[in-house]
Each structure stands twice: as structure tokens, then as C-alpha cells.
Amino acid sequence: MADQPDSGRQSVQRGETGIDRPERIKIIDYGDIDIVAYSTEATFANAEKRIGEVLDKGDFPFILGGDHSISYPGIKALHDRTEGKVGIIQFDSHLDLVDDSPVQGKFSQSSQIRRALELPRVAPENIVQIGVRSYNYPWYGQYLQETGIVQITAREVHGMSAEEVVRIALEACKNVDRIYLTFDIDVLDPAFAPGSGANEPGGLTSAQCFAILDGLYPHIHAMDIAEVNPLYDPQQITSSMAARLLFDCLTVRAKG
């Protein structure tokens, strides 16, 4: 759940991206979060406390989900330890802006960005949603227009270079002190990540995500990957993708 460069070794290996990667890095597994079956709020409190402890040690928390509701305690832990603004970069096929639901409540995988917007130092203009697509509820259009959340749809990403996407994302977060990056595996097209609970056609490719993320990793202060469901993917394509993202993030940041 955290990484630290190993100061004793300086040699590097060059991957196919041409990025120098440290030969050795130190990774600490802080273990699983204690789940309280009867209370989402108690579970989130446990997660926020554990992630906060990682941040207090000066380490970089990398959280593995779980459904996408796990982002909120991570964002809140980073927010509460930041004096200035916090930006959020969200890779996702969905907006996750539902305020409340009679089925899911207020703290589901459809609401974590809406809950984050209630934090005093998270502003909508500092939230970037990358890869969103398909159909949505009618009220979303007016809400997005009123709030000013920055969106780069999947179709727009397909027509842009990775460098353009990175530039827009970092421009939206230029006045923040820390950035939280959340990666819902369903931002990928189902051909590249079938092991997700809510697949949407027309998504990003693995190569697009690798290129965009490599440009963002040096600028972020916490990250999660959510919605990986191995039961839907017996070939483990989706799990392999998530593992690669974890490896890339930690090694790029250790190099930096």
C-alpha cells in the first residue's frame, strides 16, 4: 500500500517505454482494511485511519479495491492532511456523482466523487474525469454545467494524444497542493478488462492508459485501483492489468 525508494541501489532497467526504472524499490504491505459488515461508515473510518497513518509516515498510499466507494476514505485522508486544495483525477466510464439512492445509499461506488465534493478543499474545477462514456441520467448534464467538473470523454481521448490528456488534467489541478488519482478498471474497454462489474463498450485501450498515467504518476500523492473482479475473468487479463498499473506507478515515482 506504499512505496519508498531504496537509497542503497541506484542502477536502473529500461522498459519498453524508455523510462528508467529503479532496480529495487521498497514496498510495504500495510494489510487489509478491517471490514465492518453492518456499517459502511465504520468501515470507511477504519480505511481513512489506516491510509492516514501511511500518509503521516511520508509514504505514498496505493489502495487496491474493492468497489469504487473505497476512494472516498482515501480522498478524505489526503484532504484532512492538506492545508490547501486537493485535486482529483478520475479514470472511469461512469461519473459517480449520485447524491443518494434508495438502493445504494449515500456512500456507494456511485457516489464517492459526490461525497468528495462536500469536502471544503475539493473544488469541482479541480476534478478531472477521464474516459467517461455511454448514457447517463438526464440531470447529469445540468449538474455538470453548473459545477464545472472537467471531463475528457472516451471518444475525446481516442482523438487526442496522451500528452494532450495529461496537459488538460494537470492544468485543471495546477492550483492544488495535492492530487488523488483513482482508476476504475472499467475505464478500459471490456476487450482489455473483462473482469469488471459494469462494463461499457467504447473504452480506453491499455496502451492509452499506460501513456497517460506515465505522465501523471510524478504529480500525484495517492492512488487507488477499483472494481477489479477476477470472478468475471478466468484468464486474469484484468488482474494482470491492475498489477501492471501498480508496478508502473511505484517504479515511476521511485525514479522521481
Protein backbone atom coordinates (compact mmCIF):
# COMPACT_ATOMS: atom_id res chain seq x y z
CA MET A 1 0.00 0.00 0.00
CA ALA A 2 3.02 2.31 0.00
CA ASP A 3 6.36 2.71 -1.68
CA GLN A 4 9.71 4.20 -0.76
CA PRO A 5 12.83 4.35 -2.94
CA ASP A 6 15.66 2.07 -1.83
CA SER A 7 18.53 4.53 -1.38
CA GLY A 8 21.13 1.76 -1.37
CA ARG A 9 20.86 0.89 -5.07
CA GLN A 10 20.97 3.35 -7.96
CA SER A 11 21.13 1.10 -11.06
CA VAL A 12 18.16 1.11 -13.38
CA GLN A 13 16.47 -1.01 -16.02
CA ARG A 14 14.96 0.43 -19.16
CA GLY A 15 11.44 -0.70 -20.03
CA GLU A 16 9.80 -0.58 -23.45
CA THR A 17 8.55 2.93 -22.66
CA GLY A 18 12.11 4.22 -22.44
CA ILE A 19 11.62 5.23 -18.81
CA ASP A 20 14.48 4.43 -16.47
CA ARG A 21 13.19 2.30 -13.64
CA PRO A 22 14.97 1.64 -10.34
CA GLU A 23 16.29 -1.88 -9.98
CA ARG A 24 14.98 -2.08 -6.43
CA ILE A 25 12.25 -0.26 -4.54
CA LYS A 26 10.85 -0.77 -1.08
CA ILE A 27 7.16 -1.71 -0.95
CA ILE A 28 5.33 -2.04 2.35
CA ASP A 29 2.12 -4.07 2.55
CA TYR A 30 0.03 -2.46 5.27
CA GLY A 31 -2.53 -5.24 5.06
CA ASP A 32 -6.27 -5.29 4.58
CA ILE A 33 -8.71 -2.78 5.99
CA ASP A 34 -10.97 -4.17 8.71
CA ILE A 35 -14.46 -4.54 7.22
CA VAL A 36 -17.42 -3.84 9.47
CA ALA A 37 -20.24 -5.79 7.81
CA TYR A 38 -23.06 -3.85 9.42
CA SER A 39 -21.69 -0.34 8.81
CA THR A 40 -20.22 1.32 5.74
CA GLU A 41 -19.36 4.37 7.83
CA ALA A 42 -17.38 2.29 10.35
CA THR A 43 -15.55 0.54 7.53
CA PHE A 44 -14.70 3.89 5.95
CA ALA A 45 -13.44 5.17 9.30
CA ASN A 46 -11.09 2.17 9.50
CA ALA A 47 -9.88 2.80 5.94
CA GLU A 48 -9.37 6.52 6.49
CA LYS A 49 -7.39 5.88 9.67
CA ARG A 50 -5.10 3.32 8.01
CA ILE A 51 -4.50 5.44 4.91
CA GLY A 52 -3.85 8.45 7.12
CA GLU A 53 -1.20 6.52 9.00
CA VAL A 54 0.57 5.77 5.71
CA LEU A 55 0.47 9.45 4.74
CA ASP A 56 1.71 10.52 8.17
CA LYS A 57 4.80 8.35 7.66
CA GLY A 58 5.55 10.21 4.45
CA ASP A 59 4.79 7.17 2.29
CA PHE A 60 2.68 7.00 -0.86
CA PRO A 61 -0.56 5.09 -0.31
CA PHE A 62 -1.68 2.83 -3.14
CA ILE A 63 -5.08 1.35 -2.32
CA LEU A 64 -6.47 -1.76 -4.00
CA GLY A 65 -10.23 -2.28 -4.14
CA GLY A 66 -12.90 -3.27 -3.71
CA ASP A 67 -15.73 -1.39 -5.28
CA HIS A 68 -15.22 2.26 -6.10
CA SER A 69 -16.62 3.52 -2.82
CA ILE A 70 -13.12 2.93 -1.39
CA SER A 71 -11.96 6.19 -2.97
CA TYR A 72 -13.80 8.42 -0.53
CA PRO A 73 -11.88 7.48 2.65
CA GLY A 74 -8.64 7.77 0.67
CA ILE A 75 -9.54 11.21 -0.64
CA LYS A 76 -10.66 12.34 2.82
CA ALA A 77 -7.46 11.10 4.45
CA LEU A 78 -5.38 13.08 1.94
CA HIS A 79 -7.69 16.10 2.23
CA ASP A 80 -7.50 16.26 6.01
CA ARG A 81 -3.70 16.29 5.85
CA THR A 82 -3.50 19.04 3.25
CA GLU A 83 -3.67 22.72 4.11
CA GLY A 84 -4.51 23.79 0.57
CA LYS A 85 -6.70 22.41 -2.18
CA VAL A 86 -6.90 18.79 -3.26
CA GLY A 87 -7.39 17.80 -6.89
CA ILE A 88 -8.89 14.52 -8.09
CA ILE A 89 -8.11 12.76 -11.37
CA GLN A 90 -10.65 10.02 -12.02
CA PHE A 91 -10.32 7.35 -14.72
CA ASP A 92 -13.79 5.87 -15.09
CA SER A 93 -16.54 5.04 -17.54
CA HIS A 94 -19.08 6.44 -15.03
CA LEU A 95 -19.43 9.81 -13.33
CA ASP A 96 -20.04 8.55 -9.76
CA LEU A 97 -21.93 11.71 -8.82
CA VAL A 98 -25.13 10.16 -7.43
CA ASP A 99 -26.12 12.04 -4.28
CA ASP A 100 -28.28 9.35 -2.71
CA SER A 101 -30.02 6.18 -3.79
CA PRO A 102 -32.76 4.11 -2.14
CA VAL A 103 -30.84 1.02 -3.21
CA GLN A 104 -27.22 2.07 -2.60
CA GLY A 105 -27.45 4.88 -0.03
CA LYS A 106 -25.04 7.81 0.12
CA PHE A 107 -21.68 6.02 0.22
CA SER A 108 -21.77 3.59 -2.70
CA GLN A 109 -19.48 3.11 -5.68
CA SER A 110 -21.77 5.57 -7.50
CA SER A 111 -21.31 8.40 -5.01
CA GLN A 112 -17.67 8.74 -3.97
CA ILE A 113 -16.98 11.81 -6.15
CA ARG A 114 -20.20 13.48 -4.96
CA ARG A 115 -19.13 12.90 -1.35
CA ALA A 116 -15.63 14.23 -2.13
CA LEU A 117 -17.18 17.46 -3.41
CA GLU A 118 -18.59 18.04 0.08
CA LEU A 119 -15.08 18.34 1.49
CA PRO A 120 -14.17 22.03 1.94
CA ARG A 121 -10.91 21.97 -0.04
CA VAL A 122 -12.14 19.96 -3.03
CA ALA A 123 -13.49 22.18 -5.82
CA PRO A 124 -15.29 20.86 -8.92
CA GLU A 125 -12.96 22.70 -11.29
CA ASN A 126 -10.09 20.66 -9.79
CA ILE A 127 -11.78 17.32 -10.60
CA VAL A 128 -10.92 15.69 -13.93
CA GLN A 129 -12.92 12.72 -15.23
CA ILE A 130 -11.16 10.77 -17.99
CA GLY A 131 -12.79 8.11 -20.16
CA VAL A 132 -16.44 8.70 -19.21
CA ARG A 133 -18.96 7.48 -21.76
CA SER A 134 -22.33 5.92 -22.62
CA TYR A 135 -25.75 7.11 -21.36
CA ASN A 136 -26.47 8.90 -18.09
CA TYR A 137 -29.36 10.29 -16.08
CA PRO A 138 -30.86 13.49 -17.55
CA TRP A 139 -29.95 15.60 -14.52
CA TYR A 140 -26.23 14.96 -15.02
CA GLY A 141 -25.97 17.46 -17.87
CA GLN A 142 -27.27 20.40 -15.87
CA TYR A 143 -25.28 19.39 -12.79
CA LEU A 144 -22.03 19.24 -14.74
CA GLN A 145 -22.72 22.58 -16.37
CA GLU A 146 -23.38 24.19 -13.01
CA THR A 147 -20.38 22.71 -11.20
CA GLY A 148 -17.65 22.96 -13.84
CA ILE A 149 -16.15 19.49 -13.43
CA VAL A 150 -13.59 18.88 -16.18
CA GLN A 151 -14.39 15.93 -18.41
CA ILE A 152 -12.49 14.19 -21.19
CA THR A 153 -14.80 11.57 -22.64
CA ALA A 154 -13.55 8.28 -24.01
CA ARG A 155 -14.35 9.41 -27.53
CA GLU A 156 -12.34 12.58 -26.97
CA VAL A 157 -9.40 10.59 -25.61
CA HIS A 158 -9.45 8.44 -28.75
CA GLY A 159 -8.98 11.61 -30.81
CA MET A 160 -6.19 13.07 -28.67
CA SER A 161 -2.60 12.27 -27.85
CA ALA A 162 -1.67 11.10 -24.37
CA GLU A 163 0.29 14.32 -23.92
CA GLU A 164 -2.84 16.39 -24.59
CA VAL A 165 -4.84 14.47 -21.99
CA VAL A 166 -2.06 14.88 -19.41
CA ARG A 167 -1.82 18.60 -20.15
CA ILE A 168 -5.56 19.17 -19.62
CA ALA A 169 -5.58 17.15 -16.39
CA LEU A 170 -2.59 18.92 -14.89
CA GLU A 171 -3.88 22.32 -15.99
CA ALA A 172 -7.10 21.68 -14.06
CA CYS A 173 -5.01 20.80 -10.99
CA LYS A 174 -2.38 23.50 -11.32
CA ASN A 175 -3.51 25.41 -8.21
CA VAL A 176 -3.90 22.44 -5.87
CA ASP A 177 -1.43 21.24 -3.26
CA ARG A 178 -2.07 17.51 -3.64
CA ILE A 179 -3.67 15.22 -6.19
CA TYR A 180 -5.55 11.98 -5.64
CA LEU A 181 -5.77 9.64 -8.64
CA THR A 182 -8.46 6.99 -8.78
CA PHE A 183 -8.57 4.35 -11.51
CA ASP A 184 -11.76 2.38 -12.07
CA ILE A 185 -10.79 -0.61 -14.18
CA ASP A 186 -13.97 -0.18 -16.27
CA VAL A 187 -12.45 2.91 -17.88
CA LEU A 188 -10.86 0.32 -20.14
CA ASP A 189 -12.82 -1.18 -22.98
CA PRO A 190 -14.15 -4.62 -21.94
CA ALA A 191 -11.83 -6.19 -24.51
CA PHE A 192 -8.91 -5.13 -22.30
CA ALA A 193 -10.55 -5.60 -18.88
CA PRO A 194 -13.46 -8.05 -18.90
CA GLY A 195 -13.22 -8.57 -15.13
CA SER A 196 -15.33 -5.59 -14.12
CA GLY A 197 -18.81 -5.37 -12.72
CA ALA A 198 -20.06 -2.62 -15.02
CA ASN A 199 -18.53 -2.89 -18.46
CA GLU A 200 -19.21 -0.16 -21.04
CA PRO A 201 -18.22 -0.53 -24.73
CA GLY A 202 -16.03 2.11 -26.35
CA GLY A 203 -13.48 2.43 -23.57
CA LEU A 204 -9.80 3.21 -23.46
CA THR A 205 -7.08 0.81 -24.52
CA SER A 206 -4.31 -0.48 -22.28
CA ALA A 207 -1.74 1.45 -24.29
CA GLN A 208 -3.66 4.71 -23.90
CA CYS A 209 -3.87 4.27 -20.14
CA PHE A 210 -0.18 3.40 -19.80
CA ALA A 211 0.86 6.51 -21.75
CA ILE A 212 -1.47 8.92 -19.93
CA LEU A 213 -0.70 7.55 -16.49
CA ASP A 214 3.07 7.69 -17.01
CA GLY A 215 2.63 11.44 -17.46
CA LEU A 216 0.57 11.77 -14.29
CA TYR A 217 2.37 9.49 -11.83
CA PRO A 218 5.07 12.01 -10.85
CA HIS A 219 2.42 14.57 -9.85
CA ILE A 220 0.09 12.53 -7.63
CA HIS A 221 0.13 11.91 -3.88
CA ALA A 222 -2.15 8.87 -3.52
CA MET A 223 -3.81 6.37 -5.86
CA ASP A 224 -6.33 3.58 -5.90
CA ILE A 225 -7.49 0.92 -8.35
CA ALA A 226 -11.11 -0.18 -8.01
CA GLU A 227 -13.71 -2.57 -9.42
CA VAL A 228 -11.41 -5.45 -10.42
CA ASN A 229 -13.48 -8.65 -10.24
CA PRO A 230 -11.41 -11.78 -11.00
CA LEU A 231 -14.55 -13.96 -10.96
CA TYR A 232 -15.56 -12.42 -14.30
CA ASP A 233 -12.16 -13.01 -15.89
CA PRO A 234 -10.81 -16.58 -15.69
CA GLN A 235 -7.86 -15.64 -17.93
CA GLN A 236 -6.74 -13.00 -15.35
CA ILE A 237 -6.36 -10.32 -18.02
CA THR A 238 -7.90 -7.69 -15.77
CA SER A 239 -5.85 -8.61 -12.70
CA SER A 240 -2.69 -8.53 -14.81
CA MET A 241 -3.59 -5.04 -15.97
CA ALA A 242 -4.14 -3.84 -12.40
CA ALA A 243 -0.85 -5.37 -11.30
CA ARG A 244 0.96 -3.63 -14.15
CA LEU A 245 -0.51 -0.27 -13.16
CA LEU A 246 0.61 -0.81 -9.57
CA PHE A 247 4.13 -1.69 -10.72
CA ASP A 248 4.33 1.25 -13.13
CA CYS A 249 3.13 3.78 -10.56
CA LEU A 250 5.54 2.71 -7.84
CA THR A 251 8.55 2.43 -10.09
CA VAL A 252 7.97 5.73 -11.89
CA ARG A 253 7.51 7.50 -8.56
CA ALA A 254 10.57 5.82 -7.04
CA LYS A 255 12.64 7.00 -10.00
CA GLY A 256 11.37 10.53 -9.42
